Amino acid sequence: MKKILQYLFEYKTLSQQQAKEAILGIGKGIYNETEIAAFITVFLMRSITIDELQGFREGLLELCVPVDLNGYEVMDIVGTGGDGKNTFNVSTLACFIVAGAGQKVAKHGNYGATSVSGASNVMEQLGYKFKNSNDVLQRELEEAGICFLHAPLFHPALKSVAAIRKNLGLRTFFNMLGPMVNPADPAYQLVGVYNLEMARIYNYLLQQSGKPFTIIHSLDGYDEISLTNDTKVITNKGEQVWTPLQLGKRSVQASDIYGGNTVEEAARIFRTIISGKGSWAQNAVVLANAAMALHCTGKYKDYDTAYAAAVESLESGKASACLEKLVALQ
């Protein structure tokens, strides 16, 4: 690692192969915490290159625990995190609405490194037990329409850096990697990013996959459709800017989508919304994200049809039923 650090301190960038080898070393426990912290810090001081990100991704996927979900074409909805906005768990709620609408979901998530409650925090608080047993995950997907993949159980490198990331409390390149290393290899992805530079990098990488994807970025800095401002939407077919009225039938204020100060509070907000008792603003934001995810699958003729399916999933109780079934299976 010292040779790698010296190389980076000379303002050089890693090749794809060098980046892959560095991540493999982290995942195999070759480096100590101080070396890893120094390595991570380099990328807080400059932008990551596409080669570096691809190498890191390849390394993580090479080491990951594989998942076989019996041929189901699953979807993942995930934000990079790190936007510093502390919203409630929008992506995770959207996953249950999408599952309630009949689209199978394999949600990849982790504990919050820069927020009060990441996806794993809230899922754990709701009663979900993390596992990487293929048979159990398949059963959850078949019976509840959704399963949850806690990233450190599938990625040794992420487990190695978890404490370091939490202690740093800063957005790192691991935030960028999370949405790209779902071990279930989802057929469809809705990815929220915290800035337009990341949107550009993701667009380049996801275009290569050949699979349907949608990248979203709220122009005031959210890594999801926030309805507080216009949203840049990038797909395989191009990009456009959508207004809050187009996406959620209304605008909302930042204070309307605040996520709380504790994991317990985040879980209470989650249960309130999924049970159909959320505020107009909370519901609008969750429905917009779920609708964009459903629209990404190509199974709906337009966004408004997908939005109607999301509304039906939430208001009929189907989304809530997916959560109850999932928790009952634990």
Protein backbone atom coordinates (compact mmCIF):
# COMPACT_ATOMS: atom_id res chain seq x y z
CA MET A 1 0.00 0.00 0.00
CA LYS A 2 2.85 2.42 0.71
CA LYS A 3 3.95 2.20 -2.95
CA ILE A 4 0.38 2.88 -4.10
CA LEU A 5 0.06 5.85 -1.75
CA GLN A 6 3.39 7.31 -2.86
CA TYR A 7 2.25 6.98 -6.46
CA LEU A 8 -1.05 8.73 -5.71
CA PHE A 9 0.63 11.48 -3.69
CA GLU A 10 2.51 12.36 -6.87
CA TYR A 11 -0.85 13.36 -8.39
CA LYS A 12 -1.01 10.26 -10.58
CA THR A 13 -4.13 8.20 -11.20
CA LEU A 14 -4.53 4.43 -11.06
CA SER A 15 -5.10 2.25 -14.08
CA GLN A 16 -8.15 0.01 -14.04
CA GLN A 17 -5.96 -2.98 -13.10
CA GLN A 18 -4.13 -1.08 -10.33
CA ALA A 19 -7.44 0.06 -8.84
CA LYS A 20 -8.77 -3.50 -8.94
CA GLU A 21 -5.68 -4.84 -7.18
CA ALA A 22 -5.94 -2.17 -4.47
CA ILE A 23 -9.55 -3.13 -3.68
CA LEU A 24 -8.68 -6.83 -3.73
CA GLY A 25 -5.96 -6.10 -1.16
CA ILE A 26 -8.44 -4.23 1.06
CA GLY A 27 -10.99 -7.04 0.77
CA LYS A 28 -8.40 -9.68 1.66
CA GLY A 29 -7.30 -7.78 4.78
CA ILE A 30 -3.77 -7.11 3.55
CA TYR A 31 -3.73 -3.45 4.61
CA ASN A 32 -4.16 -1.86 8.04
CA GLU A 33 -6.76 0.77 8.93
CA THR A 34 -4.33 3.69 8.71
CA GLU A 35 -3.26 2.70 5.20
CA ILE A 36 -6.88 2.28 4.09
CA ALA A 37 -7.89 5.64 5.59
CA ALA A 38 -5.02 7.35 3.75
CA PHE A 39 -6.04 5.63 0.51
CA ILE A 40 -9.67 6.73 0.87
CA THR A 41 -8.60 10.29 1.69
CA VAL A 42 -6.77 10.66 -1.64
CA PHE A 43 -10.10 10.41 -3.44
CA LEU A 44 -11.66 13.03 -1.19
CA MET A 45 -9.10 15.49 -2.55
CA ARG A 46 -9.65 14.87 -6.25
CA SER A 47 -12.22 13.42 -8.62
CA ILE A 48 -12.14 9.71 -9.24
CA THR A 49 -11.49 8.59 -12.82
CA ILE A 50 -13.70 6.20 -14.77
CA ASP A 51 -10.81 3.70 -14.95
CA GLU A 52 -10.40 3.81 -11.18
CA LEU A 53 -14.11 3.37 -10.54
CA GLN A 54 -14.31 0.47 -13.00
CA GLY A 55 -11.32 -1.19 -11.35
CA PHE A 56 -12.79 -0.80 -7.87
CA ARG A 57 -16.07 -2.23 -9.12
CA GLU A 58 -14.40 -5.23 -10.76
CA GLY A 59 -12.47 -5.98 -7.57
CA LEU A 60 -15.58 -5.86 -5.39
CA LEU A 61 -17.55 -8.08 -7.75
CA GLU A 62 -14.70 -10.59 -7.99
CA LEU A 63 -14.70 -11.00 -4.20
CA CYS A 64 -18.46 -10.82 -3.64
CA VAL A 65 -20.70 -13.60 -2.38
CA PRO A 66 -22.77 -14.53 -5.46
CA VAL A 67 -26.56 -14.40 -5.47
CA ASP A 68 -28.84 -16.43 -7.73
CA LEU A 69 -32.47 -15.32 -7.57
CA ASN A 70 -33.86 -18.10 -9.74
CA GLY A 71 -34.09 -16.13 -12.97
CA TYR A 72 -36.24 -13.29 -11.63
CA GLU A 73 -35.68 -9.98 -13.40
CA VAL A 74 -35.24 -7.86 -10.30
CA MET A 75 -34.98 -4.12 -9.83
CA ASP A 76 -32.83 -2.06 -7.48
CA ILE A 77 -33.57 1.50 -6.39
CA VAL A 78 -30.62 3.09 -4.68
CA GLY A 79 -29.09 6.47 -4.01
CA THR A 80 -25.38 7.01 -3.68
CA GLY A 81 -26.00 8.78 -0.36
CA GLY A 82 -23.61 11.47 0.69
CA ASP A 83 -25.83 14.36 -0.37
CA GLY A 84 -25.88 15.67 3.20
CA LYS A 85 -29.64 16.31 3.08
CA ASN A 86 -30.81 13.80 5.74
CA THR A 87 -34.08 12.93 4.05
CA PHE A 88 -36.23 10.01 5.17
CA ASN A 89 -35.52 6.65 3.49
CA VAL A 90 -37.05 7.51 0.13
CA SER A 91 -35.37 4.82 -1.99
CA THR A 92 -36.20 2.01 0.43
CA LEU A 93 -39.84 3.08 0.68
CA ALA A 94 -40.01 3.29 -3.12
CA CYS A 95 -38.74 -0.31 -3.27
CA PHE A 96 -41.75 -1.56 -1.30
CA ILE A 97 -44.17 0.42 -3.48
CA VAL A 98 -42.55 -1.06 -6.59
CA ALA A 99 -42.77 -4.56 -5.06
CA GLY A 100 -46.42 -3.92 -4.22
CA ALA A 101 -47.00 -3.05 -7.88
CA GLY A 102 -45.72 -6.52 -8.86
CA GLN A 103 -42.11 -5.81 -9.83
CA LYS A 104 -39.64 -8.00 -7.90
CA VAL A 105 -36.99 -6.01 -6.01
CA ALA A 106 -33.53 -6.97 -4.72
CA LYS A 107 -32.56 -3.92 -2.70
CA HIS A 108 -28.83 -3.47 -2.07
CA GLY A 109 -28.03 -1.26 0.93
CA ASN A 110 -25.74 -0.43 3.81
CA TYR A 111 -25.62 1.45 7.08
CA GLY A 112 -25.55 5.22 6.72
CA ALA A 113 -21.98 6.58 6.69
CA THR A 114 -22.96 10.23 6.29
CA SER A 115 -26.64 10.17 7.30
CA VAL A 116 -28.57 9.24 10.44
CA SER A 117 -30.27 6.26 8.85
CA GLY A 118 -29.12 4.34 5.80
CA ALA A 119 -31.21 1.59 4.22
CA SER A 120 -29.68 -1.08 6.46
CA ASN A 121 -30.31 0.97 9.60
CA VAL A 122 -34.00 1.34 8.90
CA MET A 123 -34.50 -2.24 7.67
CA GLU A 124 -32.87 -3.57 10.85
CA GLN A 125 -35.05 -1.30 12.96
CA LEU A 126 -38.15 -2.56 11.13
CA GLY A 127 -37.27 -6.14 12.13
CA TYR A 128 -35.37 -7.43 9.11
CA LYS A 129 -32.47 -9.80 9.77
CA PHE A 130 -29.53 -9.61 7.38
CA LYS A 131 -28.48 -12.78 5.64
CA ASN A 132 -26.70 -14.03 2.53
CA SER A 133 -28.38 -17.42 2.24
CA ASN A 134 -29.46 -17.83 -1.36
CA ASP A 135 -32.43 -20.07 -0.53
CA VAL A 136 -33.80 -17.68 2.09
CA LEU A 137 -33.42 -14.64 -0.18
CA GLN A 138 -35.22 -16.50 -2.98
CA ARG A 139 -38.08 -17.35 -0.63
CA GLU A 140 -38.39 -13.70 0.48
CA LEU A 141 -38.49 -12.59 -3.14
CA GLU A 142 -41.16 -15.14 -4.04
CA GLU A 143 -43.40 -14.52 -1.03
CA ALA A 144 -42.90 -10.82 -0.28
CA GLY A 145 -41.80 -9.60 -3.72
CA ILE A 146 -38.64 -8.10 -2.23
CA CYS A 147 -35.41 -9.13 -0.53
CA PHE A 148 -32.68 -7.00 1.04
CA LEU A 149 -28.95 -7.46 0.47
CA HIS A 150 -26.90 -5.91 3.29
CA ALA A 151 -23.73 -4.96 1.41
CA PRO A 152 -21.07 -5.99 4.00
CA LEU A 153 -22.40 -9.58 4.04
CA PHE A 154 -21.72 -9.84 0.32
CA HIS A 155 -18.61 -7.67 -0.06
CA PRO A 156 -15.60 -8.38 2.19
CA ALA A 157 -13.99 -5.07 1.21
CA LEU A 158 -17.03 -3.11 2.39
CA LYS A 159 -16.95 -4.94 5.71
CA SER A 160 -13.25 -4.06 6.06
CA VAL A 161 -13.86 -0.34 5.60
CA ALA A 162 -17.18 0.03 7.47
CA ALA A 163 -15.69 1.39 10.71
CA ILE A 164 -13.28 3.66 8.86
CA ARG A 165 -16.09 5.15 6.76
CA LYS A 166 -18.24 5.70 9.83
CA ASN A 167 -15.38 7.38 11.71
CA LEU A 168 -14.57 9.62 8.75
CA GLY A 169 -18.24 10.55 8.36
CA LEU A 170 -17.53 11.87 4.87
CA ARG A 171 -18.74 10.92 1.43
CA THR A 172 -16.17 8.55 -0.14
CA PHE A 173 -15.83 6.64 -3.39
CA PHE A 174 -17.57 3.73 -1.65
CA ASN A 175 -20.77 5.79 -1.88
CA MET A 176 -20.29 5.79 -5.64
CA LEU A 177 -19.65 2.05 -5.76
CA GLY A 178 -22.69 0.88 -3.78
CA PRO A 179 -25.24 1.12 -6.60
CA MET A 180 -22.86 -0.58 -9.05
CA VAL A 181 -22.08 -3.76 -7.12
CA ASN A 182 -25.46 -5.30 -6.32
CA PRO A 183 -24.58 -9.04 -6.26
CA ALA A 184 -28.03 -9.92 -7.63
CA ASP A 185 -27.09 -8.21 -10.94
CA PRO A 186 -30.48 -6.47 -11.31
CA ALA A 187 -32.17 -6.28 -14.69
CA TYR A 188 -33.34 -2.71 -14.00
CA GLN A 189 -31.80 0.07 -11.95
CA LEU A 190 -32.91 3.46 -10.70
CA VAL A 191 -29.84 5.24 -9.35
CA GLY A 192 -29.87 8.57 -7.54
CA VAL A 193 -26.63 10.61 -7.61
CA TYR A 194 -25.53 13.64 -5.61
CA ASN A 195 -24.00 15.68 -8.44
CA LEU A 196 -23.92 15.94 -12.22
CA GLU A 197 -20.32 14.73 -12.47
CA MET A 198 -21.38 11.43 -10.90
CA ALA A 199 -24.37 11.31 -13.25
CA ARG A 200 -21.99 11.56 -16.20
CA ILE A 201 -19.77 8.74 -14.88
CA TYR A 202 -22.73 6.46 -14.11
CA ASN A 203 -24.22 7.14 -17.52
CA TYR A 204 -20.99 6.02 -19.17
CA LEU A 205 -20.72 2.84 -17.07
CA LEU A 206 -24.39 1.84 -17.19
CA GLN A 207 -24.62 2.36 -20.95
CA GLN A 208 -22.03 -0.42 -21.26
CA SER A 209 -24.25 -2.87 -19.36
CA GLY A 210 -26.91 -2.78 -22.07
CA LYS A 211 -29.65 -2.98 -19.42
CA PRO A 212 -32.46 -0.47 -18.84
CA PHE A 213 -31.45 2.15 -16.29
CA THR A 214 -32.50 5.55 -15.04
CA ILE A 215 -30.20 8.02 -13.28
CA ILE A 216 -31.78 10.84 -11.29
CA HIS A 217 -30.35 13.99 -9.74
CA SER A 218 -32.35 16.78 -8.16
CA LEU A 219 -30.78 20.03 -9.34
CA ASP A 220 -30.58 21.40 -5.80
CA GLY A 221 -28.32 18.49 -4.74
CA TYR A 222 -30.52 15.56 -3.67
CA ASP A 223 -29.63 12.03 -4.78
CA GLU A 224 -33.31 11.27 -5.43
CA ILE A 225 -36.40 12.94 -6.84
CA SER A 226 -37.00 15.43 -4.04
CA LEU A 227 -39.71 17.61 -5.69
CA THR A 228 -37.92 20.59 -4.09
CA ASN A 229 -36.54 21.53 -7.52
CA ASP A 230 -36.31 20.22 -11.07
CA THR A 231 -34.77 16.77 -11.59
CA LYS A 232 -32.29 15.71 -14.26
CA VAL A 233 -33.32 12.29 -15.59
CA ILE A 234 -30.87 10.26 -17.67
CA THR A 235 -31.79 6.95 -19.34
CA ASN A 236 -30.44 4.68 -22.08
CA LYS A 237 -32.36 6.85 -24.53
CA GLY A 238 -31.14 10.28 -23.49
CA GLU A 239 -31.66 12.92 -20.84
CA GLN A 240 -34.17 15.59 -19.91
CA VAL A 241 -35.17 17.83 -17.03
CA TRP A 242 -38.49 17.15 -15.30
CA THR A 243 -40.34 19.62 -13.07
CA PRO A 244 -41.86 18.76 -9.67
CA LEU A 245 -45.33 19.15 -11.19
CA GLN A 246 -44.54 16.60 -13.91
CA LEU A 247 -43.06 14.12 -11.46
CA GLY A 248 -45.14 14.48 -8.32
CA LYS A 249 -48.05 16.78 -9.18
CA ARG A 250 -46.68 19.33 -6.68
CA SER A 251 -43.57 20.99 -5.21
CA VAL A 252 -42.46 20.37 -1.63
CA GLN A 253 -40.21 22.10 0.89
CA ALA A 254 -36.96 20.61 2.20
CA SER A 255 -38.46 20.52 5.71
CA ASP A 256 -41.28 18.25 4.40
CA ILE A 257 -38.87 15.40 3.66
CA TYR A 258 -36.63 15.57 6.72
CA GLY A 259 -35.56 12.14 7.94
CA GLY A 260 -35.39 12.62 11.71
CA ASN A 261 -32.56 12.65 14.23
CA THR A 262 -32.39 8.95 15.17
CA VAL A 263 -32.82 5.56 13.52
CA GLU A 264 -35.93 5.02 15.67
CA GLU A 265 -37.45 8.24 14.35
CA ALA A 266 -36.55 7.27 10.78
CA ALA A 267 -38.31 3.91 11.24
CA ARG A 268 -41.41 5.65 12.63
CA ILE A 269 -41.54 7.94 9.60
CA PHE A 270 -41.10 4.89 7.35
CA ARG A 271 -44.00 3.01 8.96
CA THR A 272 -46.23 6.08 8.86
CA ILE A 273 -45.68 6.58 5.12
CA ILE A 274 -45.93 2.94 4.05
CA SER A 275 -49.16 2.52 6.03
CA GLY A 276 -50.70 5.31 3.93
CA LYS A 277 -50.64 7.93 6.69
CA GLY A 278 -47.79 10.07 5.34
CA SER A 279 -48.21 13.75 4.57
CA TRP A 280 -49.10 14.87 1.05
CA ALA A 281 -45.49 15.94 0.53
CA GLN A 282 -43.98 12.69 1.85
CA ASN A 283 -46.30 10.59 -0.30
CA ALA A 284 -45.64 12.67 -3.41
CA VAL A 285 -41.87 12.24 -3.12
CA VAL A 286 -42.03 8.49 -2.52
CA LEU A 287 -44.55 7.97 -5.31
CA ALA A 288 -42.47 9.99 -7.79
CA ASN A 289 -39.39 7.84 -7.12
CA ALA A 290 -41.39 4.60 -7.29
CA ALA A 291 -43.10 5.73 -10.50
CA MET A 292 -39.78 6.56 -12.16
CA ALA A 293 -38.50 3.11 -11.17
CA LEU A 294 -41.57 1.39 -12.64
CA HIS A 295 -41.27 3.54 -15.76
CA CYS A 296 -37.65 2.38 -16.13
CA THR A 297 -38.78 -1.24 -16.63
CA GLY A 298 -40.52 -0.37 -19.90
CA LYS A 299 -43.64 -2.20 -18.76
CA TYR A 300 -45.79 0.96 -18.64
CA LYS A 301 -46.77 3.04 -21.65
CA ASP A 302 -45.74 6.31 -20.00
CA TYR A 303 -44.72 7.90 -16.70
CA ASP A 304 -48.29 8.82 -15.70
CA THR A 305 -49.39 5.18 -16.03
CA ALA A 306 -46.45 4.12 -13.85
CA TYR A 307 -47.37 6.84 -11.33
CA ALA A 308 -50.95 5.53 -11.16
CA ALA A 309 -49.59 2.02 -10.47
CA ALA A 310 -47.42 3.41 -7.65
CA VAL A 311 -50.41 5.24 -6.12
CA GLU A 312 -52.49 2.06 -6.28
CA SER A 313 -49.72 0.05 -4.58
CA LEU A 314 -49.48 2.50 -1.68
CA GLU A 315 -53.18 3.33 -1.23
CA SER A 316 -54.42 -0.27 -1.57
CA GLY A 317 -52.03 -1.45 1.15
CA LYS A 318 -50.07 -3.73 -1.21
CA ALA A 319 -46.78 -1.95 -0.42
CA SER A 320 -47.40 -2.28 3.30
CA ALA A 321 -48.31 -5.95 2.86
CA CYS A 322 -44.92 -6.58 1.21
CA LEU A 323 -43.19 -5.16 4.28
CA GLU A 324 -45.34 -7.17 6.70
CA LYS A 325 -44.72 -10.40 4.76
CA LEU A 326 -41.00 -9.76 4.64
CA VAL A 327 -40.73 -9.09 8.37
CA ALA A 328 -42.90 -12.13 9.14
CA LEU A 329 -40.45 -14.33 7.26
CA GLN A 330 -37.57 -13.40 9.56
